[in-house]
Amino acid sequence: MARPPSPGLRDLTGVVVKTENINHAFLDGVISGEHDDVYYHYGVSSSDAVMEQMRDVRAVIMAGSGERMDEFAQRWSILNGGTEIIRFPKEDRFVTRYTAGVLFASHGMGMPSASIAVQEAMRMVYFLKRGDLTAMDEVFWARVGTSGGVGLPGGTVVLTSEGLMADLKPYRLMRGDRGTYWFDGTYPAATRAAIIAANAGAGLSIVEGKTIATNEFFIEQFRLDGAICLETPETKRELLDWLHDNGVANIEMEGALIAAYLNHWGFPSFAMICAVLLNRLEGDQVTSTHDQLHRFSENSGDVLFNYLRVLAPPREA
């Protein structure tokens, strides 16, 4: 199956979102009230009263950790004068908060988990914006997380230019015996530029580069410290050097899928902001202190919030 063209070109109406790729057969019935949409893993549905409180959503922020999403929501609420934080009732899969126009949702670890979180969030945004493609265009999406650097020291923040899998090819899914569904893993350059501009003078080390998203934490990341090890020190170094030589800045486990799905619908504004916890060219195990790791992780959050302040200026207390 041929790979799709890169997104980003506006049609004659000025809309970027690709209506032809939206599942209208199901989602339009939700808009018209013919049936509900149950966002099962979030524990809410389109008919819940809480949905009306979220119609003004301007950004969807995702991360692996539920605790981090709770912290981010509190931080954004304080910046907006103590706005109410809406807590979704179900938290055995994902932790979700909403406050001051921003939906904060955890996605767990790995692409299978993230695929559920992202698809349900996309359906939710479609309902919240009543299927208005122009309004959907205005929603900013971001994954904020941690990663292993490829030639970068701990504390560096990577803005992903392209999400790839471990073979340097885009995200794809099997279509049974009929071939492969290919997706586009590019991240919008204009959004990266805006995030960098919003962080000018912040004293943070920010780089742009490709990101590898792996299906597995040990084998596909070429680690030597797993219960199963299929590499030698020599082959591991060869593989990591190959990634580095091809412009890869970091390795994590969700970014290729997130870009793939958002590109499929044509969202024009999204980013992945990941702090580097270690340089994989120097080792496999995270040996930094708790305080160092906290600071590294905070760097990515600071980059996000510096941009959110520009994107949706808060009502400071």
C-alpha atoms as a PDB file:
ATOM      1  CA  MET A   1       0.000   0.000   0.000  1.00  0.00           C
ATOM      2  CA  ALA A   2       1.425   3.392  -0.960  1.00  0.00           C
ATOM      3  CA  ARG A   3       2.354   5.819   1.754  1.00  0.00           C
ATOM      4  CA  PRO A   4       0.059   8.829   2.083  1.00  0.00           C
ATOM      5  CA  PRO A   5       1.200  12.324   1.077  1.00  0.00           C
ATOM      6  CA  SER A   6       2.483  14.620   3.781  1.00  0.00           C
ATOM      7  CA  PRO A   7      -0.258  16.650   5.515  1.00  0.00           C
ATOM      8  CA  GLY A   8      -0.412  20.368   6.019  1.00  0.00           C
ATOM      9  CA  LEU A   9      -1.832  21.805   2.782  1.00  0.00           C
ATOM     10  CA  ARG A  10      -5.018  23.769   3.321  1.00  0.00           C
ATOM     11  CA  ASP A  11      -7.967  23.269   0.995  1.00  0.00           C
ATOM     12  CA  LEU A  12      -9.969  26.119  -0.516  1.00  0.00           C
ATOM     13  CA  THR A  13     -11.939  26.538   2.722  1.00  0.00           C
ATOM     14  CA  GLY A  14      -8.751  27.031   4.739  1.00  0.00           C
ATOM     15  CA  VAL A  15      -9.277  23.749   6.605  1.00  0.00           C
ATOM     16  CA  VAL A  16      -6.432  21.295   7.146  1.00  0.00           C
ATOM     17  CA  VAL A  17      -8.305  18.436   8.847  1.00  0.00           C
ATOM     18  CA  LYS A  18      -8.981  15.731   6.272  1.00  0.00           C
ATOM     19  CA  THR A  19     -12.702  15.048   6.390  1.00  0.00           C
ATOM     20  CA  GLU A  20     -12.307  12.038   4.093  1.00  0.00           C
ATOM     21  CA  ASN A  21     -10.249  10.247   6.754  1.00  0.00           C
ATOM     22  CA  ILE A  22     -12.742  10.784   9.577  1.00  0.00           C
ATOM     23  CA  ASN A  23     -15.043   7.896  10.457  1.00  0.00           C
ATOM     24  CA  HIS A  24     -18.216   9.827   9.656  1.00  0.00           C
ATOM     25  CA  ALA A  25     -20.278   6.628   9.488  1.00  0.00           C
ATOM     26  CA  PHE A  26     -19.974   6.311  13.268  1.00  0.00           C
ATOM     27  CA  LEU A  27     -19.071   9.771  14.550  1.00  0.00           C
ATOM     28  CA  ASP A  28     -21.714  11.824  12.790  1.00  0.00           C
ATOM     29  CA  GLY A  29     -24.415   9.776  14.499  1.00  0.00           C
ATOM     30  CA  VAL A  30     -22.929  10.885  17.822  1.00  0.00           C
ATOM     31  CA  ILE A  31     -23.127  14.533  16.772  1.00  0.00           C
ATOM     32  CA  SER A  32     -26.760  14.167  15.679  1.00  0.00           C
ATOM     33  CA  GLY A  33     -27.723  12.377  18.891  1.00  0.00           C
ATOM     34  CA  GLU A  34     -28.612   9.085  17.222  1.00  0.00           C
ATOM     35  CA  HIS A  35     -26.298   7.223  19.586  1.00  0.00           C
ATOM     36  CA  ASP A  36     -23.720   7.844  22.290  1.00  0.00           C
ATOM     37  CA  ASP A  37     -19.996   7.440  21.995  1.00  0.00           C
ATOM     38  CA  VAL A  38     -18.593   5.639  25.019  1.00  0.00           C
ATOM     39  CA  TYR A  39     -14.997   6.602  25.711  1.00  0.00           C
ATOM     40  CA  TYR A  40     -14.659   3.442  27.701  1.00  0.00           C
ATOM     41  CA  HIS A  41     -11.054   3.695  28.812  1.00  0.00           C
ATOM     42  CA  TYR A  42     -11.617   7.254  30.051  1.00  0.00           C
ATOM     43  CA  GLY A  43     -14.799   6.326  31.890  1.00  0.00           C
ATOM     44  CA  VAL A  44     -17.056   8.930  30.237  1.00  0.00           C
ATOM     45  CA  SER A  45     -19.446   9.111  27.291  1.00  0.00           C
ATOM     46  CA  SER A  46     -20.687  11.780  24.920  1.00  0.00           C
ATOM     47  CA  SER A  47     -23.995  12.044  26.819  1.00  0.00           C
ATOM     48  CA  ASP A  48     -22.359  12.857  30.156  1.00  0.00           C
ATOM     49  CA  ALA A  49     -22.990  16.362  31.465  1.00  0.00           C
ATOM     50  CA  VAL A  50     -19.261  16.891  31.935  1.00  0.00           C
ATOM     51  CA  MET A  51     -18.865  17.113  28.166  1.00  0.00           C
ATOM     52  CA  GLU A  52     -20.613  20.492  28.083  1.00  0.00           C
ATOM     53  CA  GLN A  53     -17.934  21.875  30.410  1.00  0.00           C
ATOM     54  CA  MET A  54     -15.235  20.951  27.903  1.00  0.00           C
ATOM     55  CA  ARG A  55     -16.578  22.500  24.690  1.00  0.00           C
ATOM     56  CA  ASP A  56     -13.869  25.187  24.738  1.00  0.00           C
ATOM     57  CA  VAL A  57     -10.991  22.684  24.649  1.00  0.00           C
ATOM     58  CA  ARG A  58      -7.980  24.324  23.002  1.00  0.00           C
ATOM     59  CA  ALA A  59      -5.267  21.786  23.706  1.00  0.00           C
ATOM     60  CA  VAL A  60      -4.857  18.089  24.448  1.00  0.00           C
ATOM     61  CA  ILE A  61      -1.734  17.270  26.449  1.00  0.00           C
ATOM     62  CA  MET A  62      -0.696  13.653  26.884  1.00  0.00           C
ATOM     63  CA  ALA A  63       2.035  11.859  28.816  1.00  0.00           C
ATOM     64  CA  GLY A  64       2.705   8.364  30.019  1.00  0.00           C
ATOM     65  CA  SER A  65       2.326   9.111  33.703  1.00  0.00           C
ATOM     66  CA  GLY A  66      -1.034   9.762  35.339  1.00  0.00           C
ATOM     67  CA  GLU A  67       0.666  11.480  38.263  1.00  0.00           C
ATOM     68  CA  ARG A  68       2.300  13.890  35.862  1.00  0.00           C
ATOM     69  CA  MET A  69      -1.011  14.739  34.224  1.00  0.00           C
ATOM     70  CA  ASP A  70      -2.478  15.516  37.625  1.00  0.00           C
ATOM     71  CA  GLU A  71       0.481  17.800  38.373  1.00  0.00           C
ATOM     72  CA  PHE A  72       0.191  19.537  35.003  1.00  0.00           C
ATOM     73  CA  ALA A  73      -3.523  20.179  35.502  1.00  0.00           C
ATOM     74  CA  GLN A  74      -2.885  21.694  38.925  1.00  0.00           C
ATOM     75  CA  ARG A  75      -0.139  23.873  37.494  1.00  0.00           C
ATOM     76  CA  TRP A  76      -2.357  25.129  34.665  1.00  0.00           C
ATOM     77  CA  SER A  77      -5.250  25.737  37.040  1.00  0.00           C
ATOM     78  CA  ILE A  78      -3.070  27.871  39.313  1.00  0.00           C
ATOM     79  CA  LEU A  79      -1.825  29.876  36.335  1.00  0.00           C
ATOM     80  CA  ASN A  80      -5.457  30.543  35.440  1.00  0.00           C
ATOM     81  CA  GLY A  81      -6.469  31.830  38.851  1.00  0.00           C
ATOM     82  CA  GLY A  82      -7.529  28.525  40.367  1.00  0.00           C
ATOM     83  CA  THR A  83      -9.946  27.246  37.721  1.00  0.00           C
ATOM     84  CA  GLU A  84     -11.936  24.108  38.479  1.00  0.00           C
ATOM     85  CA  ILE A  85     -10.203  20.830  37.649  1.00  0.00           C
ATOM     86  CA  ILE A  86     -12.543  18.208  36.235  1.00  0.00           C
ATOM     87  CA  ARG A  87     -11.472  14.671  37.073  1.00  0.00           C
ATOM     88  CA  PHE A  88     -12.636  11.810  34.897  1.00  0.00           C
ATOM     89  CA  PRO A  89     -14.043   9.040  37.106  1.00  0.00           C
ATOM     90  CA  LYS A  90     -12.145   6.068  35.695  1.00  0.00           C
ATOM     91  CA  GLU A  91      -8.433   5.884  36.425  1.00  0.00           C
ATOM     92  CA  ASP A  92      -7.498   2.224  36.157  1.00  0.00           C
ATOM     93  CA  ARG A  93      -6.261   2.818  32.585  1.00  0.00           C
ATOM     94  CA  PHE A  94      -5.714   6.551  32.134  1.00  0.00           C
ATOM     95  CA  VAL A  95      -5.710   9.577  34.429  1.00  0.00           C
ATOM     96  CA  THR A  96      -7.558  12.499  32.843  1.00  0.00           C
ATOM     97  CA  ARG A  97      -8.050  16.086  33.970  1.00  0.00           C
ATOM     98  CA  TYR A  98      -9.611  19.129  32.326  1.00  0.00           C
ATOM     99  CA  THR A  99      -9.120  22.738  33.306  1.00  0.00           C
ATOM    100  CA  ALA A 100      -9.034  26.146  31.610  1.00  0.00           C
ATOM    101  CA  GLY A 101      -9.437  24.812  28.089  1.00  0.00           C
ATOM    102  CA  VAL A 102      -6.808  22.082  28.306  1.00  0.00           C
ATOM    103  CA  LEU A 103      -7.396  18.337  28.471  1.00  0.00           C
ATOM    104  CA  PHE A 104      -4.585  16.481  30.257  1.00  0.00           C
ATOM    105  CA  ALA A 105      -4.621  12.715  29.711  1.00  0.00           C
ATOM    106  CA  SER A 106      -2.132   9.959  30.420  1.00  0.00           C
ATOM    107  CA  HIS A 107      -1.595   7.314  27.753  1.00  0.00           C
ATOM    108  CA  GLY A 108       0.349   4.647  29.590  1.00  0.00           C
ATOM    109  CA  MET A 109       3.528   3.110  28.204  1.00  0.00           C
ATOM    110  CA  GLY A 110       3.960   1.920  24.654  1.00  0.00           C
ATOM    111  CA  MET A 111       2.115   2.304  21.371  1.00  0.00           C
ATOM    112  CA  PRO A 112      -0.690  -0.208  22.035  1.00  0.00           C
ATOM    113  CA  SER A 113      -1.741   1.714  25.146  1.00  0.00           C
ATOM    114  CA  ALA A 114      -1.230   5.104  23.494  1.00  0.00           C
ATOM    115  CA  SER A 115      -3.308   4.042  20.489  1.00  0.00           C
ATOM    116  CA  ILE A 116      -6.352   3.640  22.721  1.00  0.00           C
ATOM    117  CA  ALA A 117      -5.831   6.969  24.475  1.00  0.00           C
ATOM    118  CA  VAL A 118      -5.268   8.916  21.258  1.00  0.00           C
ATOM    119  CA  GLN A 119      -8.153   7.417  19.291  1.00  0.00           C
ATOM    120  CA  GLU A 120     -10.637   7.994  22.111  1.00  0.00           C
ATOM    121  CA  ALA A 121      -9.330  11.551  22.564  1.00  0.00           C
ATOM    122  CA  MET A 122      -9.734  12.221  18.829  1.00  0.00           C
ATOM    123  CA  ARG A 123     -13.322  10.984  18.951  1.00  0.00           C
ATOM    124  CA  MET A 124     -13.918  13.163  21.999  1.00  0.00           C
ATOM    125  CA  VAL A 125     -12.531  16.274  20.295  1.00  0.00           C
ATOM    126  CA  TYR A 126     -14.721  15.596  17.254  1.00  0.00           C
ATOM    127  CA  PHE A 127     -17.781  15.490  19.510  1.00  0.00           C
ATOM    128  CA  LEU A 128     -16.747  18.505  21.593  1.00  0.00           C
ATOM    129  CA  LYS A 129     -16.273  20.585  18.448  1.00  0.00           C
ATOM    130  CA  ARG A 130     -19.557  19.253  16.997  1.00  0.00           C
ATOM    131  CA  GLY A 131     -17.746  18.004  13.924  1.00  0.00           C
ATOM    132  CA  ASP A 132     -16.623  21.555  13.014  1.00  0.00           C
ATOM    133  CA  LEU A 133     -13.377  20.996  11.102  1.00  0.00           C
ATOM    134  CA  THR A 134     -12.283  24.620  11.432  1.00  0.00           C
ATOM    135  CA  ALA A 135     -12.637  24.418  15.218  1.00  0.00           C
ATOM    136  CA  MET A 136     -10.742  21.118  15.248  1.00  0.00           C
ATOM    137  CA  ASP A 137      -7.907  22.752  13.287  1.00  0.00           C
ATOM    138  CA  GLU A 138      -7.359  25.084  16.228  1.00  0.00           C
ATOM    139  CA  VAL A 139      -6.743  22.351  18.807  1.00  0.00           C
ATOM    140  CA  PHE A 140      -3.091  21.866  19.771  1.00  0.00           C
ATOM    141  CA  TRP A 141      -1.877  18.385  20.708  1.00  0.00           C
ATOM    142  CA  ALA A 142       1.302  17.409  22.520  1.00  0.00           C
ATOM    143  CA  ARG A 143       2.956  14.397  24.040  1.00  0.00           C
ATOM    144  CA  VAL A 144       5.331  15.345  26.827  1.00  0.00           C
ATOM    145  CA  GLY A 145       7.642  12.654  28.086  1.00  0.00           C
ATOM    146  CA  THR A 146      11.070  11.215  28.702  1.00  0.00           C
ATOM    147  CA  SER A 147      13.396   9.334  26.407  1.00  0.00           C
ATOM    148  CA  GLY A 148      16.851   7.937  25.868  1.00  0.00           C
ATOM    149  CA  GLY A 149      19.138  10.290  23.994  1.00  0.00           C
ATOM    150  CA  VAL A 150      21.239   9.247  21.027  1.00  0.00           C
ATOM    151  CA  GLY A 151      24.381  11.353  21.417  1.00  0.00           C
ATOM    152  CA  LEU A 152      22.636  13.853  23.704  1.00  0.00           C
ATOM    153  CA  PRO A 153      23.263  14.411  27.425  1.00  0.00           C
ATOM    154  CA  GLY A 154      20.629  14.102  30.125  1.00  0.00           C
ATOM    155  CA  GLY A 155      18.429  17.168  30.455  1.00  0.00           C
ATOM    156  CA  THR A 156      18.299  17.971  26.746  1.00  0.00           C
ATOM    157  CA  VAL A 157      14.773  18.463  25.393  1.00  0.00           C
ATOM    158  CA  VAL A 158      14.042  16.986  21.971  1.00  0.00           C
ATOM    159  CA  LEU A 159      11.335  18.402  19.726  1.00  0.00           C
ATOM    160  CA  THR A 160      10.566  15.580  17.344  1.00  0.00           C
ATOM    161  CA  SER A 161      10.738  16.292  13.622  1.00  0.00           C
ATOM    162  CA  GLU A 162       9.668  12.810  12.563  1.00  0.00           C
ATOM    163  CA  GLY A 163       8.447   9.752  14.466  1.00  0.00           C
ATOM    164  CA  LEU A 164       9.859   6.496  13.099  1.00  0.00           C
ATOM    165  CA  MET A 165      10.031   2.870  14.107  1.00  0.00           C
ATOM    166  CA  ALA A 166      13.238   0.988  14.911  1.00  0.00           C
ATOM    167  CA  ASP A 167      13.969   0.337  11.210  1.00  0.00           C
ATOM    168  CA  LEU A 168      13.771   4.065  10.378  1.00  0.00           C
ATOM    169  CA  LYS A 169      10.481   3.528   8.545  1.00  0.00           C
ATOM    170  CA  PRO A 170       7.143   5.187   9.397  1.00  0.00           C
ATOM    171  CA  TYR A 171       4.521   3.694  11.683  1.00  0.00           C
ATOM    172  CA  ARG A 172       2.471   0.959  10.092  1.00  0.00           C
ATOM    173  CA  LEU A 173      -0.032  -1.714  10.989  1.00  0.00           C
ATOM    174  CA  MET A 174      -0.647  -5.130   9.530  1.00  0.00           C
ATOM    175  CA  ARG A 175      -3.682  -5.550   7.287  1.00  0.00           C
ATOM    176  CA  GLY A 176      -3.901  -9.292   7.805  1.00  0.00           C
ATOM    177  CA  ASP A 177      -2.700 -11.044   4.682  1.00  0.00           C
ATOM    178  CA  ARG A 178      -3.499  -8.036   2.485  1.00  0.00           C
ATOM    179  CA  GLY A 179      -0.424  -5.964   3.224  1.00  0.00           C
ATOM    180  CA  THR A 180       0.302  -2.982   5.423  1.00  0.00           C
ATOM    181  CA  TYR A 181      -1.349   0.289   6.441  1.00  0.00           C
ATOM    182  CA  TRP A 182       1.316   3.014   6.229  1.00  0.00           C
ATOM    183  CA  PHE A 183       1.080   6.289   8.128  1.00  0.00           C
ATOM    184  CA  ASP A 184       2.912   9.611   8.050  1.00  0.00           C
ATOM    185  CA  GLY A 185       5.055  10.248  11.133  1.00  0.00           C
ATOM    186  CA  THR A 186       6.148  13.845  10.496  1.00  0.00           C
ATOM    187  CA  TYR A 187       5.624  16.538  13.114  1.00  0.00           C
ATOM    188  CA  PRO A 188       4.675  20.064  11.923  1.00  0.00           C
ATOM    189  CA  ALA A 189       7.724  22.275  11.491  1.00  0.00           C
ATOM    190  CA  ALA A 190       5.742  25.448  12.149  1.00  0.00           C
ATOM    191  CA  THR A 191       4.663  24.158  15.560  1.00  0.00           C
ATOM    192  CA  ARG A 192       8.245  23.278  16.478  1.00  0.00           C
ATOM    193  CA  ALA A 193       9.373  26.763  15.466  1.00  0.00           C
ATOM    194  CA  ALA A 194       6.647  28.355  17.590  1.00  0.00           C
ATOM    195  CA  ILE A 195       7.629  26.262  20.617  1.00  0.00           C
ATOM    196  CA  ILE A 196      11.285  27.213  20.212  1.00  0.00           C
ATOM    197  CA  ALA A 197      10.337  30.895  19.923  1.00  0.00           C
ATOM    198  CA  ALA A 198       8.220  30.675  23.069  1.00  0.00           C
ATOM    199  CA  ASN A 199      11.234  29.307  24.950  1.00  0.00           C
ATOM    200  CA  ALA A 200      13.745  31.903  23.792  1.00  0.00           C
ATOM    201  CA  GLY A 201      15.791  33.016  26.768  1.00  0.00           C
ATOM    202  CA  ALA A 202      14.492  30.233  29.026  1.00  0.00           C
ATOM    203  CA  GLY A 203      17.954  28.716  29.361  1.00  0.00           C
ATOM    204  CA  LEU A 204      16.809  25.261  28.255  1.00  0.00           C
ATOM    205  CA  SER A 205      18.737  23.046  25.865  1.00  0.00           C
ATOM    206  CA  ILE A 206      16.296  22.274  23.016  1.00  0.00           C
ATOM    207  CA  VAL A 207      17.159  20.355  19.855  1.00  0.00           C
ATOM    208  CA  GLU A 208      15.137  19.111  16.892  1.00  0.00           C
ATOM    209  CA  GLY A 209      15.562  15.616  15.534  1.00  0.00           C
ATOM    210  CA  LYS A 210      14.016  12.333  14.550  1.00  0.00           C
ATOM    211  CA  THR A 211      12.605  10.089  17.258  1.00  0.00           C
ATOM    212  CA  ILE A 212      12.444   6.313  17.245  1.00  0.00           C
ATOM    213  CA  ALA A 213       9.370   4.725  18.839  1.00  0.00           C
ATOM    214  CA  THR A 214       9.884   1.079  19.670  1.00  0.00           C
ATOM    215  CA  ASN A 215       7.438  -1.766  20.267  1.00  0.00           C
ATOM    216  CA  GLU A 216       9.489  -2.984  23.203  1.00  0.00           C
ATOM    217  CA  PHE A 217      11.761  -1.434  25.813  1.00  0.00           C
ATOM    218  CA  PHE A 218      14.728  -3.810  25.724  1.00  0.00           C
ATOM    219  CA  ILE A 219      15.128  -5.710  22.444  1.00  0.00           C
ATOM    220  CA  GLU A 220      14.102  -3.018  19.943  1.00  0.00           C
ATOM    221  CA  GLN A 221      16.109  -0.444  21.872  1.00  0.00           C
ATOM    222  CA  PHE A 222      19.176  -2.650  21.519  1.00  0.00           C
ATOM    223  CA  ARG A 223      19.745  -2.903  25.265  1.00  0.00           C
ATOM    224  CA  LEU A 224      22.198  -5.250  26.897  1.00  0.00           C
ATOM    225  CA  ASP A 225      20.483  -5.256  30.323  1.00  0.00           C
ATOM    226  CA  GLY A 226      17.218  -7.077  29.556  1.00  0.00           C
ATOM    227  CA  ALA A 227      16.220 -10.545  30.700  1.00  0.00           C
ATOM    228  CA  ILE A 228      16.471 -11.371  26.990  1.00  0.00           C
ATOM    229  CA  CYS A 229      19.468  -9.887  25.195  1.00  0.00           C
ATOM    230  CA  LEU A 230      19.897 -10.389  21.450  1.00  0.00           C
ATOM    231  CA  GLU A 231      22.761  -7.944  20.894  1.00  0.00           C
ATOM    232  CA  THR A 232      26.446  -7.767  21.738  1.00  0.00           C
ATOM    233  CA  PRO A 233      28.243  -4.575  22.783  1.00  0.00           C
ATOM    234  CA  GLU A 234      29.535  -4.372  19.212  1.00  0.00           C
ATOM    235  CA  THR A 235      26.181  -4.795  17.443  1.00  0.00           C
ATOM    236  CA  LYS A 236      24.462  -2.470  19.911  1.00  0.00           C
ATOM    237  CA  ARG A 237      26.996   0.263  19.186  1.00  0.00           C
ATOM    238  CA  GLU A 238      26.692  -0.345  15.451  1.00  0.00           C
ATOM    239  CA  LEU A 239      22.913   0.008  15.581  1.00  0.00           C
ATOM    240  CA  LEU A 240      22.958   3.135  17.752  1.00  0.00           C
ATOM    241  CA  ASP A 241      25.626   4.726  15.540  1.00  0.00           C
ATOM    242  CA  TRP A 242      23.402   3.943  12.552  1.00  0.00           C
ATOM    243  CA  LEU A 243      20.502   5.791  14.211  1.00  0.00           C
ATOM    244  CA  HIS A 244      22.738   8.732  15.128  1.00  0.00           C
ATOM    245  CA  ASP A 245      24.132   8.966  11.595  1.00  0.00           C
ATOM    246  CA  ASN A 246      20.559   9.106  10.270  1.00  0.00           C
ATOM    247  CA  GLY A 247      19.534  12.087  12.387  1.00  0.00           C
ATOM    248  CA  VAL A 248      17.877  10.261  15.286  1.00  0.00           C
ATOM    249  CA  ALA A 249      18.022  12.305  18.492  1.00  0.00           C
ATOM    250  CA  ASN A 250      16.185  10.053  20.929  1.00  0.00           C
ATOM    251  CA  ILE A 251      14.295   6.816  21.512  1.00  0.00           C
ATOM    252  CA  GLU A 252      10.929   6.346  23.242  1.00  0.00           C
ATOM    253  CA  MET A 253       7.792   4.247  22.735  1.00  0.00           C
ATOM    254  CA  GLU A 254       4.823   6.320  21.508  1.00  0.00           C
ATOM    255  CA  GLY A 255       5.757   9.156  19.171  1.00  0.00           C
ATOM    256  CA  ALA A 256       5.500   7.430  15.797  1.00  0.00           C
ATOM    257  CA  LEU A 257       1.936   6.330  16.499  1.00  0.00           C
ATOM    258  CA  ILE A 258       0.784   9.686  17.866  1.00  0.00           C
ATOM    259  CA  ALA A 259       2.022  11.541  14.783  1.00  0.00           C
ATOM    260  CA  ALA A 260       0.558   8.822  12.549  1.00  0.00           C
ATOM    261  CA  TYR A 261      -2.970   9.145  13.902  1.00  0.00           C
ATOM    262  CA  LEU A 262      -3.005  12.935  14.155  1.00  0.00           C
ATOM    263  CA  ASN A 263      -1.630  13.211  10.614  1.00  0.00           C
ATOM    264  CA  HIS A 264      -4.263  10.791   9.344  1.00  0.00           C
ATOM    265  CA  TRP A 265      -6.975  13.214  10.399  1.00  0.00           C
ATOM    266  CA  GLY A 266      -4.824  16.158   9.364  1.00  0.00           C
ATOM    267  CA  PHE A 267      -4.476  18.070  12.632  1.00  0.00           C
ATOM    268  CA  PRO A 268      -2.083  20.927  11.795  1.00  0.00           C
ATOM    269  CA  SER A 269      -0.666  21.683  15.249  1.00  0.00           C
ATOM    270  CA  PHE A 270       0.969  19.012  17.387  1.00  0.00           C
ATOM    271  CA  ALA A 271       4.336  18.258  18.928  1.00  0.00           C
ATOM    272  CA  MET A 272       6.326  15.784  20.943  1.00  0.00           C
ATOM    273  CA  ILE A 273       8.461  17.276  23.684  1.00  0.00           C
ATOM    274  CA  CYS A 274      10.706  14.710  25.346  1.00  0.00           C
ATOM    275  CA  ALA A 275      13.448  15.168  27.897  1.00  0.00           C
ATOM    276  CA  VAL A 276      16.525  12.974  27.575  1.00  0.00           C
ATOM    277  CA  LEU A 277      17.326  10.975  30.723  1.00  0.00           C
ATOM    278  CA  LEU A 278      20.600   9.475  29.491  1.00  0.00           C
ATOM    279  CA  ASN A 279      22.844   9.184  26.466  1.00  0.00           C
ATOM    280  CA  ARG A 280      22.340   5.672  25.074  1.00  0.00           C
ATOM    281  CA  LEU A 281      25.735   5.828  23.380  1.00  0.00           C
ATOM    282  CA  GLU A 282      27.226   5.754  26.876  1.00  0.00           C
ATOM    283  CA  GLY A 283      25.066   3.084  28.549  1.00  0.00           C
ATOM    284  CA  ASP A 284      21.696   1.428  29.058  1.00  0.00           C
ATOM    285  CA  GLN A 285      20.792   1.955  32.692  1.00  0.00           C
ATOM    286  CA  VAL A 286      19.531   5.206  34.167  1.00  0.00           C
ATOM    287  CA  THR A 287      22.051   6.083  36.883  1.00  0.00           C
ATOM    288  CA  SER A 288      21.209   9.734  37.549  1.00  0.00           C
ATOM    289  CA  THR A 289      19.992  10.653  41.018  1.00  0.00           C
ATOM    290  CA  HIS A 290      16.314  11.124  41.812  1.00  0.00           C
ATOM    291  CA  ASP A 291      16.800  14.886  41.905  1.00  0.00           C
ATOM    292  CA  GLN A 292      18.586  14.888  38.558  1.00  0.00           C
ATOM    293  CA  LEU A 293      15.868  12.814  36.913  1.00  0.00           C
ATOM    294  CA  HIS A 294      13.198  15.097  38.326  1.00  0.00           C
ATOM    295  CA  ARG A 295      14.988  18.118  36.902  1.00  0.00           C
ATOM    296  CA  PHE A 296      15.439  16.466  33.507  1.00  0.00           C
ATOM    297  CA  SER A 297      11.743  15.601  33.400  1.00  0.00           C
ATOM    298  CA  GLU A 298      10.751  19.104  34.500  1.00  0.00           C
ATOM    299  CA  ASN A 299      12.619  20.547  31.523  1.00  0.00           C
ATOM    300  CA  SER A 300      10.092  19.097  29.065  1.00  0.00           C
ATOM    301  CA  GLY A 301       7.204  20.375  31.180  1.00  0.00           C
ATOM    302  CA  ASP A 302       8.737  23.850  31.271  1.00  0.00           C
ATOM    303  CA  VAL A 303       9.069  23.875  27.477  1.00  0.00           C
ATOM    304  CA  LEU A 304       5.392  22.926  27.175  1.00  0.00           C
ATOM    305  CA  PHE A 305       4.109  25.516  29.622  1.00  0.00           C
ATOM    306  CA  ASN A 306       6.190  28.299  28.085  1.00  0.00           C
ATOM    307  CA  TYR A 307       4.375  27.518  24.831  1.00  0.00           C
ATOM    308  CA  LEU A 308       0.934  27.155  26.415  1.00  0.00           C
ATOM    309  CA  ARG A 309       1.326  30.629  27.917  1.00  0.00           C
ATOM    310  CA  VAL A 310       1.650  31.986  24.369  1.00  0.00           C
ATOM    311  CA  LEU A 311      -0.946  29.708  22.793  1.00  0.00           C
ATOM    312  CA  ALA A 312      -3.612  30.303  25.422  1.00  0.00           C
ATOM    313  CA  PRO A 313      -2.526  33.176  27.668  1.00  0.00           C
ATOM    314  CA  PRO A 314      -3.528  32.258  31.224  1.00  0.00           C
ATOM    315  CA  ARG A 315      -5.457  34.397  33.627  1.00  0.00           C
ATOM    316  CA  GLU A 316      -2.741  34.608  36.264  1.00  0.00           C
ATOM    317  CA  ALA A 317      -3.889  34.732  39.876  1.00  0.00           C
END
